[in-house]
Amino acid sequence: MPCRMAGQLSIATQTSSSTGKFAETGPYAMMAVTDTGHGMDDETKKRVFEPFFTPRKSAKAAGLGLATVYGHH
């Protein structure tokens, strides 16, 4: 099914290191994600980390994406 949202998604990666101030000293990979979309409405922002929430109208939409990232340690 084609996506009907407008905007551009950009993903950038680079290597980095920590001096121990905010994280354990050592090498790290950094990932930055940006988009030019219109953002989320207030109702979506309130519920975005709920495990099965999705703003999609399709019955095939599953959710789980942000809740899984938020809950991972």
PDB file of N, CA and C in Angstrom:
ATOM      1  N   MET A   1       0.852  -1.175   0.000  1.00  0.00           N
ATOM      2  CA  MET A   1       0.000   0.000   0.000  1.00  0.00           C
ATOM      3  C   MET A   1       0.897   1.238   0.000  1.00  0.00           C
ATOM      4  N   PRO A   2       0.673   2.190  -0.870  1.00  0.00           N
ATOM      5  CA  PRO A   2       1.524   3.378  -0.919  1.00  0.00           C
ATOM      6  C   PRO A   2       1.306   4.275   0.294  1.00  0.00           C
ATOM      7  N   CYS A   3       2.356   4.931   0.723  1.00  0.00           N
ATOM      8  CA  CYS A   3       2.295   5.875   1.834  1.00  0.00           C
ATOM      9  C   CYS A   3       1.718   7.194   1.334  1.00  0.00           C
ATOM     10  N   ARG A   4       0.789   7.766   2.063  1.00  0.00           N
ATOM     11  CA  ARG A   4       0.148   9.003   1.632  1.00  0.00           C
ATOM     12  C   ARG A   4       0.633  10.216   2.436  1.00  0.00           C
ATOM     13  N   MET A   5       1.650  10.030   3.266  1.00  0.00           N
ATOM     14  CA  MET A   5       2.172  11.139   4.053  1.00  0.00           C
ATOM     15  C   MET A   5       3.238  11.877   3.259  1.00  0.00           C
ATOM     16  N   ALA A   6       3.337  13.155   3.502  1.00  0.00           N
ATOM     17  CA  ALA A   6       4.361  13.962   2.837  1.00  0.00           C
ATOM     18  C   ALA A   6       5.540  14.139   3.771  1.00  0.00           C
ATOM     19  N   GLY A   7       6.708  14.367   3.214  1.00  0.00           N
ATOM     20  CA  GLY A   7       7.893  14.608   4.022  1.00  0.00           C
ATOM     21  C   GLY A   7       9.035  13.721   3.586  1.00  0.00           C
ATOM     22  N   GLN A   8      10.203  14.050   4.075  1.00  0.00           N
ATOM     23  CA  GLN A   8      11.405  13.290   3.750  1.00  0.00           C
ATOM     24  C   GLN A   8      12.041  12.811   5.040  1.00  0.00           C
ATOM     25  N   LEU A   9      12.419  11.547   5.093  1.00  0.00           N
ATOM     26  CA  LEU A   9      13.068  10.942   6.247  1.00  0.00           C
ATOM     27  C   LEU A   9      14.556  10.842   5.959  1.00  0.00           C
ATOM     28  N   SER A  10      15.390  11.321   6.888  1.00  0.00           N
ATOM     29  CA  SER A  10      16.843  11.240   6.743  1.00  0.00           C
ATOM     30  C   SER A  10      17.423  10.502   7.938  1.00  0.00           C
ATOM     31  N   ILE A  11      18.337   9.586   7.670  1.00  0.00           N
ATOM     32  CA  ILE A  11      19.013   8.830   8.716  1.00  0.00           C
ATOM     33  C   ILE A  11      20.512   8.990   8.507  1.00  0.00           C
ATOM     34  N   ALA A  12      21.218   9.431   9.548  1.00  0.00           N
ATOM     35  CA  ALA A  12      22.663   9.614   9.467  1.00  0.00           C
ATOM     36  C   ALA A  12      23.325   8.822  10.588  1.00  0.00           C
ATOM     37  N   THR A  13      24.484   8.256  10.306  1.00  0.00           N
ATOM     38  CA  THR A  13      25.231   7.508  11.323  1.00  0.00           C
ATOM     39  C   THR A  13      26.674   7.998  11.349  1.00  0.00           C
ATOM     40  N   GLN A  14      27.301   7.849  12.491  1.00  0.00           N
ATOM     41  CA  GLN A  14      28.727   8.125  12.608  1.00  0.00           C
ATOM     42  C   GLN A  14      29.261   7.444  13.861  1.00  0.00           C
ATOM     43  N   THR A  15      30.553   7.252  13.898  1.00  0.00           N
ATOM     44  CA  THR A  15      31.166   6.690  15.096  1.00  0.00           C
ATOM     45  C   THR A  15      31.461   7.825  16.061  1.00  0.00           C
ATOM     46  N   SER A  16      31.457   7.503  17.337  1.00  0.00           N
ATOM     47  CA  SER A  16      31.675   8.492  18.373  1.00  0.00           C
ATOM     48  C   SER A  16      32.370   7.820  19.542  1.00  0.00           C
ATOM     49  N   SER A  17      32.783   8.585  20.513  1.00  0.00           N
ATOM     50  CA  SER A  17      33.365   8.006  21.718  1.00  0.00           C
ATOM     51  C   SER A  17      32.898   8.787  22.929  1.00  0.00           C
ATOM     52  N   SER A  18      32.925   8.150  24.075  1.00  0.00           N
ATOM     53  CA  SER A  18      32.508   8.781  25.309  1.00  0.00           C
ATOM     54  C   SER A  18      33.713   8.962  26.223  1.00  0.00           C
ATOM     55  N   THR A  19      33.726  10.082  26.914  1.00  0.00           N
ATOM     56  CA  THR A  19      34.787  10.334  27.889  1.00  0.00           C
ATOM     57  C   THR A  19      34.371   9.913  29.287  1.00  0.00           C
ATOM     58  N   GLY A  20      33.197   9.346  29.406  1.00  0.00           N
ATOM     59  CA  GLY A  20      32.726   8.862  30.687  1.00  0.00           C
ATOM     60  C   GLY A  20      31.802   9.808  31.426  1.00  0.00           C
ATOM     61  N   LYS A  21      31.565  11.003  30.894  1.00  0.00           N
ATOM     62  CA  LYS A  21      30.713  11.973  31.581  1.00  0.00           C
ATOM     63  C   LYS A  21      29.243  11.532  31.601  1.00  0.00           C
ATOM     64  N   PHE A  22      28.733  11.060  30.464  1.00  0.00           N
ATOM     65  CA  PHE A  22      27.324  10.669  30.377  1.00  0.00           C
ATOM     66  C   PHE A  22      27.121   9.180  30.145  1.00  0.00           C
ATOM     67  N   ALA A  23      28.164   8.491  29.752  1.00  0.00           N
ATOM     68  CA  ALA A  23      28.065   7.056  29.471  1.00  0.00           C
ATOM     69  C   ALA A  23      29.423   6.421  29.747  1.00  0.00           C
ATOM     70  N   GLU A  24      29.442   5.132  29.781  1.00  0.00           N
ATOM     71  CA  GLU A  24      30.692   4.415  29.989  1.00  0.00           C
ATOM     72  C   GLU A  24      31.704   4.796  28.904  1.00  0.00           C
ATOM     73  N   THR A  25      32.964   4.979  29.286  1.00  0.00           N
ATOM     74  CA  THR A  25      34.003   5.352  28.333  1.00  0.00           C
ATOM     75  C   THR A  25      34.155   4.274  27.268  1.00  0.00           C
ATOM     76  N   GLY A  26      34.278   4.710  26.026  1.00  0.00           N
ATOM     77  CA  GLY A  26      34.487   3.757  24.945  1.00  0.00           C
ATOM     78  C   GLY A  26      33.895   4.221  23.640  1.00  0.00           C
ATOM     79  N   PRO A  27      34.028   3.396  22.597  1.00  0.00           N
ATOM     80  CA  PRO A  27      33.491   3.743  21.283  1.00  0.00           C
ATOM     81  C   PRO A  27      31.980   3.486  21.217  1.00  0.00           C
ATOM     82  N   TYR A  28      31.298   4.310  20.456  1.00  0.00           N
ATOM     83  CA  TYR A  28      29.852   4.186  20.276  1.00  0.00           C
ATOM     84  C   TYR A  28      29.502   4.465  18.825  1.00  0.00           C
ATOM     85  N   ALA A  29      28.333   4.018  18.427  1.00  0.00           N
ATOM     86  CA  ALA A  29      27.767   4.389  17.127  1.00  0.00           C
ATOM     87  C   ALA A  29      26.638   5.367  17.409  1.00  0.00           C
ATOM     88  N   MET A  30      26.576   6.452  16.646  1.00  0.00           N
ATOM     89  CA  MET A  30      25.526   7.436  16.817  1.00  0.00           C
ATOM     90  C   MET A  30      24.618   7.406  15.594  1.00  0.00           C
ATOM     91  N   MET A  31      23.313   7.490  15.845  1.00  0.00           N
ATOM     92  CA  MET A  31      22.351   7.536  14.758  1.00  0.00           C
ATOM     93  C   MET A  31      21.436   8.735  14.989  1.00  0.00           C
ATOM     94  N   ALA A  32      21.264   9.557  13.971  1.00  0.00           N
ATOM     95  CA  ALA A  32      20.355  10.699  14.027  1.00  0.00           C
ATOM     96  C   ALA A  32      19.271  10.502  12.975  1.00  0.00           C
ATOM     97  N   VAL A  33      18.027  10.690  13.383  1.00  0.00           N
ATOM     98  CA  VAL A  33      16.890  10.553  12.469  1.00  0.00           C
ATOM     99  C   VAL A  33      16.128  11.867  12.465  1.00  0.00           C
ATOM    100  N   THR A  34      15.898  12.418  11.285  1.00  0.00           N
ATOM    101  CA  THR A  34      15.121  13.646  11.146  1.00  0.00           C
ATOM    102  C   THR A  34      14.097  13.465  10.029  1.00  0.00           C
ATOM    103  N   ASP A  35      13.048  14.262  10.086  1.00  0.00           N
ATOM    104  CA  ASP A  35      12.076  14.233   8.998  1.00  0.00           C
ATOM    105  C   ASP A  35      11.503  15.624   8.778  1.00  0.00           C
ATOM    106  N   THR A  36      10.889  15.794   7.635  1.00  0.00           N
ATOM    107  CA  THR A  36      10.277  17.067   7.286  1.00  0.00           C
ATOM    108  C   THR A  36       8.759  16.962   7.268  1.00  0.00           C
ATOM    109  N   GLY A  37       8.234  15.940   7.922  1.00  0.00           N
ATOM    110  CA  GLY A  37       6.788  15.730   7.958  1.00  0.00           C
ATOM    111  C   GLY A  37       6.088  16.755   8.835  1.00  0.00           C
ATOM    112  N   HIS A  38       4.779  16.653   8.929  1.00  0.00           N
ATOM    113  CA  HIS A  38       3.981  17.641   9.656  1.00  0.00           C
ATOM    114  C   HIS A  38       3.913  17.364  11.152  1.00  0.00           C
ATOM    115  N   GLY A  39       4.461  16.258  11.621  1.00  0.00           N
ATOM    116  CA  GLY A  39       4.465  15.968  13.060  1.00  0.00           C
ATOM    117  C   GLY A  39       3.212  15.241  13.516  1.00  0.00           C
ATOM    118  N   MET A  40       3.064  15.136  14.826  1.00  0.00           N
ATOM    119  CA  MET A  40       1.938  14.418  15.418  1.00  0.00           C
ATOM    120  C   MET A  40       0.987  15.399  16.088  1.00  0.00           C
ATOM    121  N   ASP A  41      -0.301  15.070  16.055  1.00  0.00           N
ATOM    122  CA  ASP A  41      -1.248  15.897  16.785  1.00  0.00           C
ATOM    123  C   ASP A  41      -1.143  15.586  18.282  1.00  0.00           C
ATOM    124  N   ASP A  42      -1.770  16.396  19.116  1.00  0.00           N
ATOM    125  CA  ASP A  42      -1.646  16.244  20.571  1.00  0.00           C
ATOM    126  C   ASP A  42      -2.135  14.886  21.066  1.00  0.00           C
ATOM    127  N   GLU A  43      -3.227  14.375  20.508  1.00  0.00           N
ATOM    128  CA  GLU A  43      -3.765  13.083  20.936  1.00  0.00           C
ATOM    129  C   GLU A  43      -2.782  11.950  20.642  1.00  0.00           C
ATOM    130  N   THR A  44      -2.147  11.987  19.484  1.00  0.00           N
ATOM    131  CA  THR A  44      -1.156  10.973  19.128  1.00  0.00           C
ATOM    132  C   THR A  44       0.043  11.061  20.069  1.00  0.00           C
ATOM    133  N   LYS A  45       0.517  12.264  20.372  1.00  0.00           N
ATOM    134  CA  LYS A  45       1.646  12.435  21.286  1.00  0.00           C
ATOM    135  C   LYS A  45       1.370  11.835  22.664  1.00  0.00           C
ATOM    136  N   LYS A  46       0.138  11.958  23.132  1.00  0.00           N
ATOM    137  CA  LYS A  46      -0.234  11.417  24.448  1.00  0.00           C
ATOM    138  C   LYS A  46      -0.161   9.891  24.482  1.00  0.00           C
ATOM    139  N   ARG A  47      -0.381   9.247  23.353  1.00  0.00           N
ATOM    140  CA  ARG A  47      -0.515   7.783  23.330  1.00  0.00           C
ATOM    141  C   ARG A  47       0.605   7.052  22.602  1.00  0.00           C
ATOM    142  N   VAL A  48       1.586   7.769  22.065  1.00  0.00           N
ATOM    143  CA  VAL A  48       2.555   7.201  21.134  1.00  0.00           C
ATOM    144  C   VAL A  48       3.365   6.022  21.715  1.00  0.00           C
ATOM    145  N   PHE A  49       3.574   5.964  23.031  1.00  0.00           N
ATOM    146  CA  PHE A  49       4.349   4.868  23.610  1.00  0.00           C
ATOM    147  C   PHE A  49       3.483   3.724  24.144  1.00  0.00           C
ATOM    148  N   GLU A  50       2.181   3.777  23.950  1.00  0.00           N
ATOM    149  CA  GLU A  50       1.320   2.653  24.336  1.00  0.00           C
ATOM    150  C   GLU A  50       1.627   1.474  23.419  1.00  0.00           C
ATOM    151  N   PRO A  51       1.731   0.268  23.974  1.00  0.00           N
ATOM    152  CA  PRO A  51       2.197  -0.881  23.181  1.00  0.00           C
ATOM    153  C   PRO A  51       1.445  -1.171  21.885  1.00  0.00           C
ATOM    154  N   PHE A  52       0.135  -1.059  21.849  1.00  0.00           N
ATOM    155  CA  PHE A  52      -0.592  -1.423  20.636  1.00  0.00           C
ATOM    156  C   PHE A  52      -1.254  -0.233  19.962  1.00  0.00           C
ATOM    157  N   PHE A  53      -0.841   0.975  20.311  1.00  0.00           N
ATOM    158  CA  PHE A  53      -1.423   2.163  19.709  1.00  0.00           C
ATOM    159  C   PHE A  53      -0.887   2.381  18.297  1.00  0.00           C
ATOM    160  N   THR A  54      -1.764   2.757  17.405  1.00  0.00           N
ATOM    161  CA  THR A  54      -1.380   3.210  16.072  1.00  0.00           C
ATOM    162  C   THR A  54      -2.401   4.240  15.612  1.00  0.00           C
ATOM    163  N   PRO A  55      -1.967   5.310  14.976  1.00  0.00           N
ATOM    164  CA  PRO A  55      -2.916   6.284  14.458  1.00  0.00           C
ATOM    165  C   PRO A  55      -3.506   5.867  13.115  1.00  0.00           C
ATOM    166  N   ARG A  56      -3.052   4.755  12.577  1.00  0.00           N
ATOM    167  CA  ARG A  56      -3.520   4.299  11.264  1.00  0.00           C
ATOM    168  C   ARG A  56      -4.935   3.760  11.353  1.00  0.00           C
ATOM    169  N   LYS A  57      -5.674   3.940  10.304  1.00  0.00           N
ATOM    170  CA  LYS A  57      -7.067   3.481  10.249  1.00  0.00           C
ATOM    171  C   LYS A  57      -7.175   2.019   9.811  1.00  0.00           C
ATOM    172  N   SER A  58      -6.136   1.476   9.189  1.00  0.00           N
ATOM    173  CA  SER A  58      -6.163   0.120   8.661  1.00  0.00           C
ATOM    174  C   SER A  58      -6.204  -0.916   9.772  1.00  0.00           C
ATOM    175  N   ALA A  59      -6.974  -1.967   9.574  1.00  0.00           N
ATOM    176  CA  ALA A  59      -7.035  -3.064  10.541  1.00  0.00           C
ATOM    177  C   ALA A  59      -5.722  -3.838  10.578  1.00  0.00           C
ATOM    178  N   LYS A  60      -4.887  -3.691   9.564  1.00  0.00           N
ATOM    179  CA  LYS A  60      -3.612  -4.404   9.512  1.00  0.00           C
ATOM    180  C   LYS A  60      -2.503  -3.684  10.271  1.00  0.00           C
ATOM    181  N   ALA A  61      -2.744  -2.463  10.718  1.00  0.00           N
ATOM    182  CA  ALA A  61      -1.730  -1.705  11.452  1.00  0.00           C
ATOM    183  C   ALA A  61      -1.564  -2.297  12.841  1.00  0.00           C
ATOM    184  N   ALA A  62      -0.314  -2.543  13.252  1.00  0.00           N
ATOM    185  CA  ALA A  62      -0.065  -3.250  14.500  1.00  0.00           C
ATOM    186  C   ALA A  62       0.420  -2.380  15.649  1.00  0.00           C
ATOM    187  N   GLY A  63       1.076  -1.267  15.378  1.00  0.00           N
ATOM    188  CA  GLY A  63       1.673  -0.494  16.464  1.00  0.00           C
ATOM    189  C   GLY A  63       2.966  -1.140  16.917  1.00  0.00           C
ATOM    190  N   LEU A  64       3.287  -1.101  18.177  1.00  0.00           N
ATOM    191  CA  LEU A  64       4.449  -1.703  18.837  1.00  0.00           C
ATOM    192  C   LEU A  64       5.793  -1.031  18.590  1.00  0.00           C
ATOM    193  N   GLY A  65       5.957  -0.249  17.555  1.00  0.00           N
ATOM    194  CA  GLY A  65       7.260   0.320  17.234  1.00  0.00           C
ATOM    195  C   GLY A  65       7.877   1.154  18.336  1.00  0.00           C
ATOM    196  N   LEU A  66       7.280   2.287  18.684  1.00  0.00           N
ATOM    197  CA  LEU A  66       7.873   3.170  19.685  1.00  0.00           C
ATOM    198  C   LEU A  66       7.808   2.586  21.080  1.00  0.00           C
ATOM    199  N   ALA A  67       6.764   1.824  21.399  1.00  0.00           N
ATOM    200  CA  ALA A  67       6.684   1.203  22.719  1.00  0.00           C
ATOM    201  C   ALA A  67       7.826   0.222  22.920  1.00  0.00           C
ATOM    202  N   THR A  68       8.197  -0.488  21.883  1.00  0.00           N
ATOM    203  CA  THR A  68       9.301  -1.439  21.963  1.00  0.00           C
ATOM    204  C   THR A  68      10.617  -0.714  22.176  1.00  0.00           C
ATOM    205  N   VAL A  69      10.851   0.375  21.473  1.00  0.00           N
ATOM    206  CA  VAL A  69      12.083   1.151  21.637  1.00  0.00           C
ATOM    207  C   VAL A  69      12.138   1.779  23.017  1.00  0.00           C
ATOM    208  N   TYR A  70      11.021   2.354  23.471  1.00  0.00           N
ATOM    209  CA  TYR A  70      10.973   3.035  24.756  1.00  0.00           C
ATOM    210  C   TYR A  70      11.236   2.058  25.901  1.00  0.00           C
ATOM    211  N   GLY A  71      10.721   0.847  25.788  1.00  0.00           N
ATOM    212  CA  GLY A  71      10.842  -0.137  26.870  1.00  0.00           C
ATOM    213  C   GLY A  71      12.132  -0.928  26.866  1.00  0.00           C
ATOM    214  N   HIS A  72      12.952  -0.800  25.825  1.00  0.00           N
ATOM    215  CA  HIS A  72      14.191  -1.574  25.723  1.00  0.00           C
ATOM    216  C   HIS A  72      15.294  -0.914  26.537  1.00  0.00           C
ATOM    217  N   HIS A  73      16.004  -1.716  27.328  1.00  0.00           N
ATOM    218  CA  HIS A  73      17.110  -1.170  28.129  1.00  0.00           C
ATOM    219  C   HIS A  73      18.401  -1.830  27.736  1.00  0.00           C
TER     220      HIS A  73
END
